[in-house]
PDB file of N, CA and C in Angstrom:
ATOM      1  N   MET A   1       6.177  23.947  -7.717  1.00  0.00           N
ATOM      2  CA  MET A   1       6.368  23.931  -6.275  1.00  0.00           C
ATOM      3  C   MET A   1       7.734  23.351  -5.959  1.00  0.00           C
ATOM      4  N   ASN A   2       8.212  23.768  -4.882  1.00  0.00           N
ATOM      5  CA  ASN A   2       9.558  23.335  -4.430  1.00  0.00           C
ATOM      6  C   ASN A   2       9.491  21.783  -4.045  1.00  0.00           C
ATOM      7  N   LEU A   3      10.458  21.033  -4.447  1.00  0.00           N
ATOM      8  CA  LEU A   3      10.494  19.628  -4.082  1.00  0.00           C
ATOM      9  C   LEU A   3      10.440  19.355  -2.681  1.00  0.00           C
ATOM     10  N   LYS A   4      11.190  20.246  -1.841  1.00  0.00           N
ATOM     11  CA  LYS A   4      11.165  20.031  -0.387  1.00  0.00           C
ATOM     12  C   LYS A   4       9.764  20.174   0.206  1.00  0.00           C
ATOM     13  N   VAL A   5       9.004  21.195  -0.243  1.00  0.00           N
ATOM     14  CA  VAL A   5       7.641  21.449   0.178  1.00  0.00           C
ATOM     15  C   VAL A   5       6.703  20.296  -0.227  1.00  0.00           C
ATOM     16  N   ILE A   6       6.858  19.714  -1.393  1.00  0.00           N
ATOM     17  CA  ILE A   6       6.055  18.519  -1.813  1.00  0.00           C
ATOM     18  C   ILE A   6       6.362  17.394  -0.985  1.00  0.00           C
ATOM     19  N   THR A   7       7.640  17.122  -0.692  1.00  0.00           N
ATOM     20  CA  THR A   7       8.070  16.057   0.096  1.00  0.00           C
ATOM     21  C   THR A   7       7.498  16.119   1.547  1.00  0.00           C
ATOM     22  N   PHE A   8       7.615  17.359   2.083  1.00  0.00           N
ATOM     23  CA  PHE A   8       7.102  17.605   3.387  1.00  0.00           C
ATOM     24  C   PHE A   8       5.565  17.386   3.552  1.00  0.00           C
ATOM     25  N   LEU A   9       4.821  17.904   2.485  1.00  0.00           N
ATOM     26  CA  LEU A   9       3.409  17.707   2.487  1.00  0.00           C
ATOM     27  C   LEU A   9       3.004  16.269   2.352  1.00  0.00           C
ATOM     28  N   SER A  10       3.732  15.513   1.562  1.00  0.00           N
ATOM     29  CA  SER A  10       3.467  14.118   1.319  1.00  0.00           C
ATOM     30  C   SER A  10       3.620  13.321   2.617  1.00  0.00           C
ATOM     31  N   LEU A  11       4.775  13.680   3.289  1.00  0.00           N
ATOM     32  CA  LEU A  11       5.081  13.007   4.561  1.00  0.00           C
ATOM     33  C   LEU A  11       3.988  13.317   5.613  1.00  0.00           C
ATOM     34  N   CYS A  12       3.589  14.548   5.678  1.00  0.00           N
ATOM     35  CA  CYS A  12       2.462  14.955   6.719  1.00  0.00           C
ATOM     36  C   CYS A  12       1.202  14.199   6.381  1.00  0.00           C
ATOM     37  N   LEU A  13       0.870  14.191   5.107  1.00  0.00           N
ATOM     38  CA  LEU A  13      -0.395  13.400   4.698  1.00  0.00           C
ATOM     39  C   LEU A  13      -0.323  12.023   4.944  1.00  0.00           C
ATOM     40  N   GLY A  14       0.846  11.364   4.781  1.00  0.00           N
ATOM     41  CA  GLY A  14       1.092   9.950   5.086  1.00  0.00           C
ATOM     42  C   GLY A  14       0.986   9.667   6.601  1.00  0.00           C
ATOM     43  N   LEU A  15       1.535  10.556   7.397  1.00  0.00           N
ATOM     44  CA  LEU A  15       1.439  10.384   8.840  1.00  0.00           C
ATOM     45  C   LEU A  15       0.003  10.531   9.326  1.00  0.00           C
ATOM     46  N   PHE A  16      -0.707  11.455   8.737  1.00  0.00           N
ATOM     47  CA  PHE A  16      -2.112  11.702   9.109  1.00  0.00           C
ATOM     48  C   PHE A  16      -3.008  10.510   8.775  1.00  0.00           C
ATOM     49  N   ALA A  17      -2.685   9.898   7.569  1.00  0.00           N
ATOM     50  CA  ALA A  17      -3.554   8.756   7.137  1.00  0.00           C
ATOM     51  C   ALA A  17      -3.293   7.508   7.994  1.00  0.00           C
ATOM     52  N   CYS A  18      -2.164   7.392   8.542  1.00  0.00           N
ATOM     53  CA  CYS A  18      -1.793   6.239   9.285  1.00  0.00           C
ATOM     54  C   CYS A  18      -1.883   6.494  10.740  1.00  0.00           C
ATOM     55  N   SER A  19      -2.370   7.624  11.222  1.00  0.00           N
ATOM     56  CA  SER A  19      -2.343   7.916  12.663  1.00  0.00           C
ATOM     57  C   SER A  19      -3.405   7.093  13.363  1.00  0.00           C
ATOM     58  N   TYR A  20      -3.229   6.992  14.576  1.00  0.00           N
ATOM     59  CA  TYR A  20      -4.223   6.132  15.493  1.00  0.00           C
ATOM     60  C   TYR A  20      -5.525   6.855  15.608  1.00  0.00           C
ATOM     61  N   ASP A  21      -6.555   6.195  15.461  1.00  0.00           N
ATOM     62  CA  ASP A  21      -7.928   6.850  15.656  1.00  0.00           C
ATOM     63  C   ASP A  21      -8.533   6.202  16.884  1.00  0.00           C
ATOM     64  N   PRO A  22      -8.625   7.026  17.927  1.00  0.00           N
ATOM     65  CA  PRO A  22      -9.166   6.559  19.218  1.00  0.00           C
ATOM     66  C   PRO A  22     -10.651   6.151  19.125  1.00  0.00           C
ATOM     67  N   CYS A  23     -11.368   6.520  18.058  1.00  0.00           N
ATOM     68  CA  CYS A  23     -12.760   6.128  17.963  1.00  0.00           C
ATOM     69  C   CYS A  23     -12.938   4.813  17.149  1.00  0.00           C
ATOM     70  N   LYS A  24     -11.889   4.165  16.834  1.00  0.00           N
ATOM     71  CA  LYS A  24     -11.913   2.828  16.288  1.00  0.00           C
ATOM     72  C   LYS A  24     -11.552   1.886  17.410  1.00  0.00           C
ATOM     73  N   LYS A  25     -12.390   1.051  17.888  1.00  0.00           N
ATOM     74  CA  LYS A  25     -12.096   0.183  19.054  1.00  0.00           C
ATOM     75  C   LYS A  25     -11.762  -1.224  18.534  1.00  0.00           C
ATOM     76  N   VAL A  26     -10.720  -1.780  19.162  1.00  0.00           N
ATOM     77  CA  VAL A  26     -10.375  -3.139  18.794  1.00  0.00           C
ATOM     78  C   VAL A  26     -10.857  -4.052  19.859  1.00  0.00           C
ATOM     79  N   VAL A  27     -11.503  -5.136  19.472  1.00  0.00           N
ATOM     80  CA  VAL A  27     -12.074  -6.041  20.464  1.00  0.00           C
ATOM     81  C   VAL A  27     -10.995  -6.901  21.025  1.00  0.00           C
ATOM     82  N   ILE A  28     -10.945  -7.047  22.340  1.00  0.00           N
ATOM     83  CA  ILE A  28      -9.975  -7.818  23.081  1.00  0.00           C
ATOM     84  C   ILE A  28     -10.000  -9.262  22.580  1.00  0.00           C
ATOM     85  N   SER A  29      -8.794  -9.872  22.454  1.00  0.00           N
ATOM     86  CA  SER A  29      -8.789 -11.381  21.992  1.00  0.00           C
ATOM     87  C   SER A  29      -9.563 -12.244  22.952  1.00  0.00           C
ATOM     88  N   PHE A  30     -10.234 -13.213  22.407  1.00  0.00           N
ATOM     89  CA  PHE A  30     -11.051 -14.134  23.168  1.00  0.00           C
ATOM     90  C   PHE A  30     -11.008 -15.441  22.409  1.00  0.00           C
ATOM     91  N   ASP A  31     -11.535 -16.505  23.167  1.00  0.00           N
ATOM     92  CA  ASP A  31     -11.611 -17.853  22.634  1.00  0.00           C
ATOM     93  C   ASP A  31     -12.775 -17.883  21.583  1.00  0.00           C
ATOM     94  N   LEU A  32     -12.427 -18.210  20.395  1.00  0.00           N
ATOM     95  CA  LEU A  32     -13.459 -18.229  19.310  1.00  0.00           C
ATOM     96  C   LEU A  32     -14.502 -19.346  19.442  1.00  0.00           C
ATOM     97  N   ASN A  33     -14.250 -20.274  20.345  1.00  0.00           N
ATOM     98  CA  ASN A  33     -15.209 -21.402  20.574  1.00  0.00           C
ATOM     99  C   ASN A  33     -16.241 -21.064  21.753  1.00  0.00           C
ATOM    100  N   GLN A  34     -16.081 -19.905  22.295  1.00  0.00           N
ATOM    101  CA  GLN A  34     -16.958 -19.376  23.399  1.00  0.00           C
ATOM    102  C   GLN A  34     -17.729 -18.162  22.974  1.00  0.00           C
ATOM    103  N   ALA A  35     -18.952 -18.045  23.417  1.00  0.00           N
ATOM    104  CA  ALA A  35     -19.660 -16.758  23.093  1.00  0.00           C
ATOM    105  C   ALA A  35     -18.947 -15.626  23.872  1.00  0.00           C
ATOM    106  N   TYR A  36     -18.919 -14.460  23.332  1.00  0.00           N
ATOM    107  CA  TYR A  36     -18.278 -13.351  23.903  1.00  0.00           C
ATOM    108  C   TYR A  36     -19.080 -12.091  23.721  1.00  0.00           C
ATOM    109  N   GLU A  37     -18.963 -11.174  24.747  1.00  0.00           N
ATOM    110  CA  GLU A  37     -19.651  -9.929  24.642  1.00  0.00           C
ATOM    111  C   GLU A  37     -18.735  -8.771  25.228  1.00  0.00           C
ATOM    112  N   GLN A  38     -18.625  -7.658  24.589  1.00  0.00           N
ATOM    113  CA  GLN A  38     -17.793  -6.525  25.122  1.00  0.00           C
ATOM    114  C   GLN A  38     -18.526  -5.260  24.871  1.00  0.00           C
ATOM    115  N   LYS A  39     -18.691  -4.478  25.903  1.00  0.00           N
ATOM    116  CA  LYS A  39     -19.345  -3.136  25.898  1.00  0.00           C
ATOM    117  C   LYS A  39     -18.309  -2.152  25.489  1.00  0.00           C
ATOM    118  N   MET A  40     -18.706  -1.280  24.556  1.00  0.00           N
ATOM    119  CA  MET A  40     -17.889  -0.149  24.009  1.00  0.00           C
ATOM    120  C   MET A  40     -18.584   1.178  24.107  1.00  0.00           C
ATOM    121  N   ASP A  41     -17.877   2.084  24.536  1.00  0.00           N
ATOM    122  CA  ASP A  41     -18.494   3.471  24.707  1.00  0.00           C
ATOM    123  C   ASP A  41     -17.824   4.418  23.708  1.00  0.00           C
ATOM    124  N   PHE A  42     -18.587   5.003  22.861  1.00  0.00           N
ATOM    125  CA  PHE A  42     -18.119   5.972  21.886  1.00  0.00           C
ATOM    126  C   PHE A  42     -18.527   7.368  22.163  1.00  0.00           C
ATOM    127  N   SER A  43     -19.029   7.607  23.345  1.00  0.00           N
ATOM    128  CA  SER A  43     -19.574   8.987  23.687  1.00  0.00           C
ATOM    129  C   SER A  43     -18.512  10.072  23.650  1.00  0.00           C
ATOM    130  N   ASP A  44     -17.190   9.701  23.822  1.00  0.00           N
ATOM    131  CA  ASP A  44     -16.173  10.674  23.800  1.00  0.00           C
ATOM    132  C   ASP A  44     -15.671  11.037  22.404  1.00  0.00           C
ATOM    133  N   CYS A  45     -16.326  10.408  21.453  1.00  0.00           N
ATOM    134  CA  CYS A  45     -15.892  10.641  20.004  1.00  0.00           C
ATOM    135  C   CYS A  45     -16.521  11.865  19.354  1.00  0.00           C
ATOM    136  N   ASN A  46     -17.530  12.453  20.043  1.00  0.00           N
ATOM    137  CA  ASN A  46     -18.234  13.646  19.474  1.00  0.00           C
ATOM    138  C   ASN A  46     -18.770  13.310  18.121  1.00  0.00           C
ATOM    139  N   LEU A  47     -19.508  12.209  18.113  1.00  0.00           N
ATOM    140  CA  LEU A  47     -20.094  11.784  16.754  1.00  0.00           C
ATOM    141  C   LEU A  47     -21.330  12.490  16.382  1.00  0.00           C
ATOM    142  N   GLY A  48     -21.998  13.190  17.314  1.00  0.00           N
ATOM    143  CA  GLY A  48     -23.347  13.839  16.979  1.00  0.00           C
ATOM    144  C   GLY A  48     -24.331  12.710  16.833  1.00  0.00           C
ATOM    145  N   TYR A  49     -24.929  12.623  15.653  1.00  0.00           N
ATOM    146  CA  TYR A  49     -25.994  11.694  15.361  1.00  0.00           C
ATOM    147  C   TYR A  49     -25.381  10.544  14.589  1.00  0.00           C
ATOM    148  N   VAL A  50     -25.398   9.357  15.291  1.00  0.00           N
ATOM    149  CA  VAL A  50     -24.879   8.091  14.757  1.00  0.00           C
ATOM    150  C   VAL A  50     -25.767   7.526  13.721  1.00  0.00           C
ATOM    151  N   HIS A  51     -25.250   7.093  12.578  1.00  0.00           N
ATOM    152  CA  HIS A  51     -26.077   6.443  11.495  1.00  0.00           C
ATOM    153  C   HIS A  51     -25.784   5.038  11.283  1.00  0.00           C
ATOM    154  N   TYR A  52     -24.416   4.700  11.416  1.00  0.00           N
ATOM    155  CA  TYR A  52     -23.895   3.384  10.974  1.00  0.00           C
ATOM    156  C   TYR A  52     -22.931   2.782  12.007  1.00  0.00           C
ATOM    157  N   GLN A  53     -22.936   1.398  12.046  1.00  0.00           N
ATOM    158  CA  GLN A  53     -21.924   0.649  12.681  1.00  0.00           C
ATOM    159  C   GLN A  53     -21.030  -0.012  11.627  1.00  0.00           C
ATOM    160  N   ASN A  54     -19.718  -0.124  11.863  1.00  0.00           N
ATOM    161  CA  ASN A  54     -18.802  -0.782  11.012  1.00  0.00           C
ATOM    162  C   ASN A  54     -18.045  -1.796  11.863  1.00  0.00           C
ATOM    163  N   ILE A  55     -17.950  -3.072  11.344  1.00  0.00           N
ATOM    164  CA  ILE A  55     -17.154  -4.156  12.069  1.00  0.00           C
ATOM    165  C   ILE A  55     -16.229  -4.639  11.017  1.00  0.00           C
ATOM    166  N   ARG A  56     -14.914  -4.449  11.212  1.00  0.00           N
ATOM    167  CA  ARG A  56     -13.949  -4.983  10.385  1.00  0.00           C
ATOM    168  C   ARG A  56     -13.408  -6.193  10.965  1.00  0.00           C
ATOM    169  N   ILE A  57     -13.454  -7.380  10.194  1.00  0.00           N
ATOM    170  CA  ILE A  57     -13.009  -8.673  10.681  1.00  0.00           C
ATOM    171  C   ILE A  57     -11.879  -9.161   9.802  1.00  0.00           C
ATOM    172  N   SER A  58     -10.778  -9.487  10.334  1.00  0.00           N
ATOM    173  CA  SER A  58      -9.601  -9.969   9.572  1.00  0.00           C
ATOM    174  C   SER A  58      -8.853 -11.043  10.308  1.00  0.00           C
ATOM    175  N   GLY A  59      -8.221 -11.937   9.566  1.00  0.00           N
ATOM    176  CA  GLY A  59      -7.395 -12.954  10.152  1.00  0.00           C
ATOM    177  C   GLY A  59      -7.723 -14.368   9.571  1.00  0.00           C
ATOM    178  N   GLU A  60      -7.549 -15.449  10.357  1.00  0.00           N
ATOM    179  CA  GLU A  60      -7.875 -16.763   9.866  1.00  0.00           C
ATOM    180  C   GLU A  60      -9.038 -17.315  10.612  1.00  0.00           C
ATOM    181  N   LEU A  61      -9.942 -17.982   9.872  1.00  0.00           N
ATOM    182  CA  LEU A  61     -11.108 -18.500  10.377  1.00  0.00           C
ATOM    183  C   LEU A  61     -11.483 -19.867   9.736  1.00  0.00           C
ATOM    184  N   LYS A  62     -11.854 -20.783  10.501  1.00  0.00           N
ATOM    185  CA  LYS A  62     -12.345 -22.058  10.014  1.00  0.00           C
ATOM    186  C   LYS A  62     -13.556 -22.328  10.926  1.00  0.00           C
ATOM    187  N   GLY A  63     -14.796 -22.295  10.361  1.00  0.00           N
ATOM    188  CA  GLY A  63     -15.945 -22.506  11.043  1.00  0.00           C
ATOM    189  C   GLY A  63     -16.986 -21.471  10.770  1.00  0.00           C
ATOM    190  N   THR A  64     -18.052 -21.530  11.578  1.00  0.00           N
ATOM    191  CA  THR A  64     -19.152 -20.533  11.361  1.00  0.00           C
ATOM    192  C   THR A  64     -19.492 -19.866  12.666  1.00  0.00           C
ATOM    193  N   ALA A  65     -19.807 -18.587  12.644  1.00  0.00           N
ATOM    194  CA  ALA A  65     -20.092 -17.782  13.903  1.00  0.00           C
ATOM    195  C   ALA A  65     -21.025 -16.693  13.481  1.00  0.00           C
ATOM    196  N   TYR A  66     -21.601 -16.098  14.480  1.00  0.00           N
ATOM    197  CA  TYR A  66     -22.450 -14.915  14.259  1.00  0.00           C
ATOM    198  C   TYR A  66     -21.813 -13.719  15.057  1.00  0.00           C
ATOM    199  N   VAL A  67     -21.776 -12.557  14.378  1.00  0.00           N
ATOM    200  CA  VAL A  67     -21.245 -11.306  14.999  1.00  0.00           C
ATOM    201  C   VAL A  67     -22.415 -10.334  15.066  1.00  0.00           C
ATOM    202  N   GLY A  68     -22.592  -9.739  16.151  1.00  0.00           N
ATOM    203  CA  GLY A  68     -23.624  -8.743  16.382  1.00  0.00           C
ATOM    204  C   GLY A  68     -25.012  -9.328  16.385  1.00  0.00           C
ATOM    205  N   GLY A  69     -25.139 -10.582  16.522  1.00  0.00           N
ATOM    206  CA  GLY A  69     -26.415 -11.272  16.605  1.00  0.00           C
ATOM    207  C   GLY A  69     -27.031 -11.558  15.307  1.00  0.00           C
ATOM    208  N   PHE A  70     -26.698 -10.878  14.182  1.00  0.00           N
ATOM    209  CA  PHE A  70     -27.383 -10.928  12.918  1.00  0.00           C
ATOM    210  C   PHE A  70     -26.436 -11.449  11.782  1.00  0.00           C
ATOM    211  N   PHE A  71     -25.231 -11.188  11.902  1.00  0.00           N
ATOM    212  CA  PHE A  71     -24.265 -11.345  10.800  1.00  0.00           C
ATOM    213  C   PHE A  71     -23.562 -12.701  10.844  1.00  0.00           C
ATOM    214  N   LYS A  72     -23.814 -13.531   9.914  1.00  0.00           N
ATOM    215  CA  LYS A  72     -23.191 -14.913   9.891  1.00  0.00           C
ATOM    216  C   LYS A  72     -21.851 -14.812   9.128  1.00  0.00           C
ATOM    217  N   ILE A  73     -20.874 -15.321   9.781  1.00  0.00           N
ATOM    218  CA  ILE A  73     -19.562 -15.302   9.184  1.00  0.00           C
ATOM    219  C   ILE A  73     -19.118 -16.793   9.000  1.00  0.00           C
ATOM    220  N   VAL A  74     -18.671 -17.215   7.778  1.00  0.00           N
ATOM    221  CA  VAL A  74     -18.252 -18.548   7.508  1.00  0.00           C
ATOM    222  C   VAL A  74     -16.850 -18.446   6.943  1.00  0.00           C
ATOM    223  N   GLY A  75     -15.919 -19.194   7.453  1.00  0.00           N
ATOM    224  CA  GLY A  75     -14.531 -19.208   6.920  1.00  0.00           C
ATOM    225  C   GLY A  75     -13.968 -20.486   6.725  1.00  0.00           C
ATOM    226  N   LYS A  76     -13.088 -20.588   5.751  1.00  0.00           N
ATOM    227  CA  LYS A  76     -12.312 -21.843   5.418  1.00  0.00           C
ATOM    228  C   LYS A  76     -10.864 -21.466   5.248  1.00  0.00           C
ATOM    229  N   GLY A  77     -10.403 -20.447   5.897  1.00  0.00           N
ATOM    230  CA  GLY A  77      -9.004 -19.947   5.799  1.00  0.00           C
ATOM    231  C   GLY A  77      -8.945 -18.516   6.093  1.00  0.00           C
ATOM    232  N   HIS A  78      -8.182 -17.752   5.207  1.00  0.00           N
ATOM    233  CA  HIS A  78      -8.137 -16.313   5.388  1.00  0.00           C
ATOM    234  C   HIS A  78      -9.442 -15.634   5.292  1.00  0.00           C
ATOM    235  N   TYR A  79      -9.647 -14.725   6.252  1.00  0.00           N
ATOM    236  CA  TYR A  79     -10.918 -13.976   6.306  1.00  0.00           C
ATOM    237  C   TYR A  79     -10.656 -12.497   6.433  1.00  0.00           C
ATOM    238  N   ASP A  80     -11.310 -11.758   5.610  1.00  0.00           N
ATOM    239  CA  ASP A  80     -11.216 -10.267   5.648  1.00  0.00           C
ATOM    240  C   ASP A  80     -12.487  -9.636   5.057  1.00  0.00           C
ATOM    241  N   THR A  81     -13.225  -8.967   5.983  1.00  0.00           N
ATOM    242  CA  THR A  81     -14.502  -8.419   5.527  1.00  0.00           C
ATOM    243  C   THR A  81     -14.874  -7.146   6.306  1.00  0.00           C
ATOM    244  N   LEU A  82     -15.737  -6.337   5.832  1.00  0.00           N
ATOM    245  CA  LEU A  82     -16.252  -5.167   6.544  1.00  0.00           C
ATOM    246  C   LEU A  82     -17.776  -5.312   6.587  1.00  0.00           C
ATOM    247  N   ILE A  83     -18.301  -5.294   7.716  1.00  0.00           N
ATOM    248  CA  ILE A  83     -19.737  -5.267   7.881  1.00  0.00           C
ATOM    249  C   ILE A  83     -20.130  -3.814   8.223  1.00  0.00           C
ATOM    250  N   ARG A  84     -21.158  -3.323   7.459  1.00  0.00           N
ATOM    251  CA  ARG A  84     -21.623  -2.008   7.729  1.00  0.00           C
ATOM    252  C   ARG A  84     -23.167  -2.028   7.715  1.00  0.00           C
ATOM    253  N   SER A  85     -23.771  -1.411   8.783  1.00  0.00           N
ATOM    254  CA  SER A  85     -25.205  -1.505   8.830  1.00  0.00           C
ATOM    255  C   SER A  85     -25.721  -0.240   9.649  1.00  0.00           C
ATOM    256  N   ASP A  86     -27.046  -0.081   9.594  1.00  0.00           N
ATOM    257  CA  ASP A  86     -27.653   1.095  10.354  1.00  0.00           C
ATOM    258  C   ASP A  86     -27.452   0.794  11.772  1.00  0.00           C
ATOM    259  N   TYR A  87     -27.211   1.891  12.529  1.00  0.00           N
ATOM    260  CA  TYR A  87     -27.029   1.859  13.955  1.00  0.00           C
ATOM    261  C   TYR A  87     -27.281   3.338  14.540  1.00  0.00           C
ATOM    262  N   TYR A  88     -27.911   3.405  15.643  1.00  0.00           N
ATOM    263  CA  TYR A  88     -28.301   4.755  16.101  1.00  0.00           C
ATOM    264  C   TYR A  88     -28.034   5.015  17.549  1.00  0.00           C
ATOM    265  N   SER A  89     -26.867   4.658  18.068  1.00  0.00           N
ATOM    266  CA  SER A  89     -26.438   4.981  19.389  1.00  0.00           C
ATOM    267  C   SER A  89     -24.954   5.139  19.612  1.00  0.00           C
ATOM    268  N   ASP A  90     -24.465   5.850  20.538  1.00  0.00           N
ATOM    269  CA  ASP A  90     -23.045   6.038  20.670  1.00  0.00           C
ATOM    270  C   ASP A  90     -22.460   4.991  21.630  1.00  0.00           C
ATOM    271  N   SER A  91     -23.250   4.131  22.153  1.00  0.00           N
ATOM    272  CA  SER A  91     -22.744   2.960  22.914  1.00  0.00           C
ATOM    273  C   SER A  91     -22.937   1.669  22.082  1.00  0.00           C
ATOM    274  N   TYR A  92     -22.141   0.712  22.262  1.00  0.00           N
ATOM    275  CA  TYR A  92     -22.116  -0.536  21.346  1.00  0.00           C
ATOM    276  C   TYR A  92     -21.776  -1.694  22.277  1.00  0.00           C
ATOM    277  N   ILE A  93     -22.520  -2.769  21.961  1.00  0.00           N
ATOM    278  CA  ILE A  93     -22.128  -4.073  22.595  1.00  0.00           C
ATOM    279  C   ILE A  93     -21.711  -4.964  21.449  1.00  0.00           C
ATOM    280  N   PHE A  94     -20.478  -5.370  21.424  1.00  0.00           N
ATOM    281  CA  PHE A  94     -19.988  -6.320  20.488  1.00  0.00           C
ATOM    282  C   PHE A  94     -20.405  -7.734  20.933  1.00  0.00           C
ATOM    283  N   ARG A  95     -21.012  -8.528  20.043  1.00  0.00           N
ATOM    284  CA  ARG A  95     -21.464  -9.869  20.426  1.00  0.00           C
ATOM    285  C   ARG A  95     -20.912 -10.868  19.398  1.00  0.00           C
ATOM    286  N   TYR A  96     -20.439 -11.952  19.874  1.00  0.00           N
ATOM    287  CA  TYR A  96     -19.904 -13.093  19.036  1.00  0.00           C
ATOM    288  C   TYR A  96     -20.479 -14.362  19.575  1.00  0.00           C
ATOM    289  N   GLU A  97     -20.904 -15.201  18.670  1.00  0.00           N
ATOM    290  CA  GLU A  97     -21.507 -16.502  19.078  1.00  0.00           C
ATOM    291  C   GLU A  97     -21.079 -17.541  18.039  1.00  0.00           C
ATOM    292  N   PRO A  98     -20.282 -18.461  18.422  1.00  0.00           N
ATOM    293  CA  PRO A  98     -19.895 -19.561  17.499  1.00  0.00           C
ATOM    294  C   PRO A  98     -21.016 -20.602  17.280  1.00  0.00           C
ATOM    295  N   GLU A  99     -20.965 -21.162  16.057  1.00  0.00           N
ATOM    296  CA  GLU A  99     -21.920 -22.190  15.674  1.00  0.00           C
ATOM    297  C   GLU A  99     -21.058 -23.460  15.477  1.00  0.00           C
ATOM    298  N   GLY A 100     -20.938 -24.350  16.488  1.00  0.00           N
ATOM    299  CA  GLY A 100     -20.098 -25.524  16.374  1.00  0.00           C
ATOM    300  C   GLY A 100     -18.643 -25.112  16.704  1.00  0.00           C
ATOM    301  N   GLU A 101     -17.668 -25.960  16.195  1.00  0.00           N
ATOM    302  CA  GLU A 101     -16.251 -25.697  16.469  1.00  0.00           C
ATOM    303  C   GLU A 101     -15.765 -24.626  15.518  1.00  0.00           C
ATOM    304  N   VAL A 102     -15.108 -23.779  16.078  1.00  0.00           N
ATOM    305  CA  VAL A 102     -14.397 -22.625  15.285  1.00  0.00           C
ATOM    306  C   VAL A 102     -12.943 -22.505  15.650  1.00  0.00           C
ATOM    307  N   THR A 103     -12.124 -22.448  14.631  1.00  0.00           N
ATOM    308  CA  THR A 103     -10.672 -22.260  14.882  1.00  0.00           C
ATOM    309  C   THR A 103     -10.142 -21.065  14.089  1.00  0.00           C
ATOM    310  N   GLY A 104      -8.988 -20.497  14.515  1.00  0.00           N
ATOM    311  CA  GLY A 104      -8.432 -19.425  13.837  1.00  0.00           C
ATOM    312  C   GLY A 104      -7.943 -18.335  14.744  1.00  0.00           C
ATOM    313  N   ASP A 105      -7.611 -17.236  14.199  1.00  0.00           N
ATOM    314  CA  ASP A 105      -7.180 -16.095  14.927  1.00  0.00           C
ATOM    315  C   ASP A 105      -7.794 -14.814  14.246  1.00  0.00           C
ATOM    316  N   LEU A 106      -8.707 -14.224  14.840  1.00  0.00           N
ATOM    317  CA  LEU A 106      -9.406 -13.100  14.228  1.00  0.00           C
ATOM    318  C   LEU A 106      -9.207 -11.805  15.004  1.00  0.00           C
ATOM    319  N   GLN A 107      -9.143 -10.646  14.257  1.00  0.00           N
ATOM    320  CA  GLN A 107      -9.151  -9.332  14.869  1.00  0.00           C
ATOM    321  C   GLN A 107     -10.417  -8.665  14.540  1.00  0.00           C
ATOM    322  N   PHE A 108     -11.095  -8.091  15.500  1.00  0.00           N
ATOM    323  CA  PHE A 108     -12.291  -7.353  15.229  1.00  0.00           C
ATOM    324  C   PHE A 108     -12.121  -5.918  15.547  1.00  0.00           C
ATOM    325  N   GLU A 109     -12.487  -5.018  14.722  1.00  0.00           N
ATOM    326  CA  GLU A 109     -12.376  -3.530  14.920  1.00  0.00           C
ATOM    327  C   GLU A 109     -13.749  -2.928  14.718  1.00  0.00           C
ATOM    328  N   VAL A 110     -14.178  -2.106  15.587  1.00  0.00           N
ATOM    329  CA  VAL A 110     -15.517  -1.505  15.548  1.00  0.00           C
ATOM    330  C   VAL A 110     -15.408  -0.020  15.514  1.00  0.00           C
ATOM    331  N   TRP A 111     -16.251   0.622  14.700  1.00  0.00           N
ATOM    332  CA  TRP A 111     -16.322   2.049  14.724  1.00  0.00           C
ATOM    333  C   TRP A 111     -17.752   2.463  14.272  1.00  0.00           C
ATOM    334  N   LEU A 112     -18.138   3.618  14.786  1.00  0.00           N
ATOM    335  CA  LEU A 112     -19.473   4.183  14.475  1.00  0.00           C
ATOM    336  C   LEU A 112     -19.309   5.459  13.642  1.00  0.00           C
ATOM    337  N   GLU A 113     -20.355   5.674  12.808  1.00  0.00           N
ATOM    338  CA  GLU A 113     -20.373   6.866  12.013  1.00  0.00           C
ATOM    339  C   GLU A 113     -21.801   7.562  12.082  1.00  0.00           C
TER     340      GLU A 113
END
């Protein structure tokens, strides 16, 4: 194959892989020492039948908190994890509840499959 064609296809694939996905929702920044709730609507994503929820958590965390009401997160520094579980709706309520004092700076990203 021509080197120009291979380079072009590689560039296109790279741009596609890094493109913005409107069906991945980023939770708005909030105070980690306060309970927080955010409603998210995924109905415009044409998901059909939803089977799973995914919550990507990354950043710095010191302390303990609950995400989604069920998932306990405990951090003593850098934190990076993906929570995946059964879920059956195209609307989602992100819930966060600290247990005691929590410090850090976290980013939460949610998507459904």
